């Protein structure tokens, strides 16, 4: 994880809830632990490119809809 990970913002929780998924359900679909999804949502962990793409596919959105850099 890079030293600038705190500069990565995300809308994962909002998009996940809008999709009607729990953290556990999303984690099972993405093949990771619920704790991993929680850590991403809380900005503690920056997901790999593969995980970010899996999540965006599951949520039917672009990666840029989930993760963004502050202006």
C-alpha atoms as a PDB file:
ATOM      1  CA  UNK A   1       0.000   0.000   0.000  1.00  0.00           C
ATOM      2  CA  UNK A   2       1.390   3.379  -0.943  1.00  0.00           C
ATOM      3  CA  UNK A   3       2.012   6.122   1.554  1.00  0.00           C
ATOM      4  CA  UNK A   4      -0.658   8.301  -0.084  1.00  0.00           C
ATOM      5  CA  UNK A   5      -3.554   5.867   0.404  1.00  0.00           C
ATOM      6  CA  UNK A   6      -5.294   8.359   2.699  1.00  0.00           C
ATOM      7  CA  UNK A   7      -5.754  10.527  -0.395  1.00  0.00           C
ATOM      8  CA  UNK A   8      -7.976   7.905  -2.036  1.00  0.00           C
ATOM      9  CA  UNK A   9     -11.666   8.512  -1.432  1.00  0.00           C
ATOM     10  CA  UNK A  10     -14.363   5.951  -2.062  1.00  0.00           C
ATOM     11  CA  UNK A  11     -18.119   5.623  -2.340  1.00  0.00           C
ATOM     12  CA  UNK A  12     -18.123   1.886  -1.796  1.00  0.00           C
ATOM     13  CA  UNK A  13     -20.473   1.786   1.180  1.00  0.00           C
ATOM     14  CA  UNK A  14     -23.083   3.963  -0.544  1.00  0.00           C
ATOM     15  CA  UNK A  15     -22.909   2.000  -3.797  1.00  0.00           C
ATOM     16  CA  UNK A  16     -22.972  -1.339  -1.990  1.00  0.00           C
ATOM     17  CA  UNK A  17     -26.029  -0.325   0.031  1.00  0.00           C
ATOM     18  CA  UNK A  18     -27.745   1.023  -3.105  1.00  0.00           C
ATOM     19  CA  UNK A  19     -27.198  -2.380  -4.694  1.00  0.00           C
ATOM     20  CA  UNK A  20     -28.899  -3.976  -1.681  1.00  0.00           C
ATOM     21  CA  UNK A  21     -25.804  -5.902  -0.616  1.00  0.00           C
ATOM     22  CA  UNK A  22     -24.315  -6.447   2.812  1.00  0.00           C
ATOM     23  CA  UNK A  23     -20.563  -6.410   3.309  1.00  0.00           C
ATOM     24  CA  UNK A  24     -20.684 -10.190   3.649  1.00  0.00           C
ATOM     25  CA  UNK A  25     -22.618 -10.647   0.412  1.00  0.00           C
ATOM     26  CA  UNK A  26     -20.254  -8.371  -1.516  1.00  0.00           C
ATOM     27  CA  UNK A  27     -17.234 -10.100  -0.028  1.00  0.00           C
ATOM     28  CA  UNK A  28     -18.528 -13.527  -1.056  1.00  0.00           C
ATOM     29  CA  UNK A  29     -19.231 -12.354  -4.612  1.00  0.00           C
ATOM     30  CA  UNK A  30     -15.765 -10.747  -4.835  1.00  0.00           C
ATOM     31  CA  UNK A  31     -13.952 -13.689  -3.227  1.00  0.00           C
ATOM     32  CA  UNK A  32     -12.524 -11.785  -0.247  1.00  0.00           C
ATOM     33  CA  UNK A  33     -13.263 -11.561   3.464  1.00  0.00           C
ATOM     34  CA  UNK A  34     -15.913  -9.282   4.918  1.00  0.00           C
ATOM     35  CA  UNK A  35     -13.109  -7.576   6.831  1.00  0.00           C
ATOM     36  CA  UNK A  36     -11.459  -6.667   3.524  1.00  0.00           C
ATOM     37  CA  UNK A  37     -14.613  -4.936   2.294  1.00  0.00           C
ATOM     38  CA  UNK A  38     -14.928  -3.145   5.631  1.00  0.00           C
ATOM     39  CA  UNK A  39     -11.297  -1.996   5.452  1.00  0.00           C
ATOM     40  CA  UNK A  40     -11.784  -0.645   1.929  1.00  0.00           C
ATOM     41  CA  UNK A  41     -14.973   1.183   2.928  1.00  0.00           C
ATOM     42  CA  UNK A  42     -13.187   2.789   5.872  1.00  0.00           C
ATOM     43  CA  UNK A  43     -10.173   3.853   3.807  1.00  0.00           C
ATOM     44  CA  UNK A  44      -7.799   1.604   5.741  1.00  0.00           C
ATOM     45  CA  UNK A  45      -6.967  -0.603   2.764  1.00  0.00           C
ATOM     46  CA  UNK A  46      -6.549   0.198  -0.924  1.00  0.00           C
ATOM     47  CA  UNK A  47      -7.738  -2.762  -2.981  1.00  0.00           C
ATOM     48  CA  UNK A  48      -5.719  -4.342  -5.738  1.00  0.00           C
ATOM     49  CA  UNK A  49      -6.652  -3.485  -9.290  1.00  0.00           C
ATOM     50  CA  UNK A  50      -8.187  -6.934  -9.667  1.00  0.00           C
ATOM     51  CA  UNK A  51     -10.377  -6.505  -6.581  1.00  0.00           C
ATOM     52  CA  UNK A  52     -11.417  -2.987  -7.635  1.00  0.00           C
ATOM     53  CA  UNK A  53     -12.443  -4.342 -11.042  1.00  0.00           C
ATOM     54  CA  UNK A  54     -14.348  -7.260  -9.472  1.00  0.00           C
ATOM     55  CA  UNK A  55     -16.230  -4.875  -7.175  1.00  0.00           C
ATOM     56  CA  UNK A  56     -17.085  -2.507 -10.018  1.00  0.00           C
ATOM     57  CA  UNK A  57     -18.375  -5.424 -12.094  1.00  0.00           C
ATOM     58  CA  UNK A  58     -20.514  -6.683  -9.210  1.00  0.00           C
ATOM     59  CA  UNK A  59     -21.904  -3.195  -8.557  1.00  0.00           C
ATOM     60  CA  UNK A  60     -22.348  -2.567 -12.310  1.00  0.00           C
ATOM     61  CA  UNK A  61     -20.404   0.674 -12.331  1.00  0.00           C
ATOM     62  CA  UNK A  62     -17.013   2.030 -13.325  1.00  0.00           C
ATOM     63  CA  UNK A  63     -14.047   1.856 -10.960  1.00  0.00           C
ATOM     64  CA  UNK A  64     -13.995   5.672 -11.068  1.00  0.00           C
ATOM     65  CA  UNK A  65     -17.541   5.684  -9.653  1.00  0.00           C
ATOM     66  CA  UNK A  66     -16.225   3.896  -6.555  1.00  0.00           C
ATOM     67  CA  UNK A  67     -12.727   5.274  -6.075  1.00  0.00           C
ATOM     68  CA  UNK A  68     -11.599   8.849  -6.600  1.00  0.00           C
ATOM     69  CA  UNK A  69      -8.808  11.227  -5.772  1.00  0.00           C
ATOM     70  CA  UNK A  70      -9.628  14.437  -3.917  1.00  0.00           C
ATOM     71  CA  UNK A  71      -9.542  17.606  -6.005  1.00  0.00           C
END
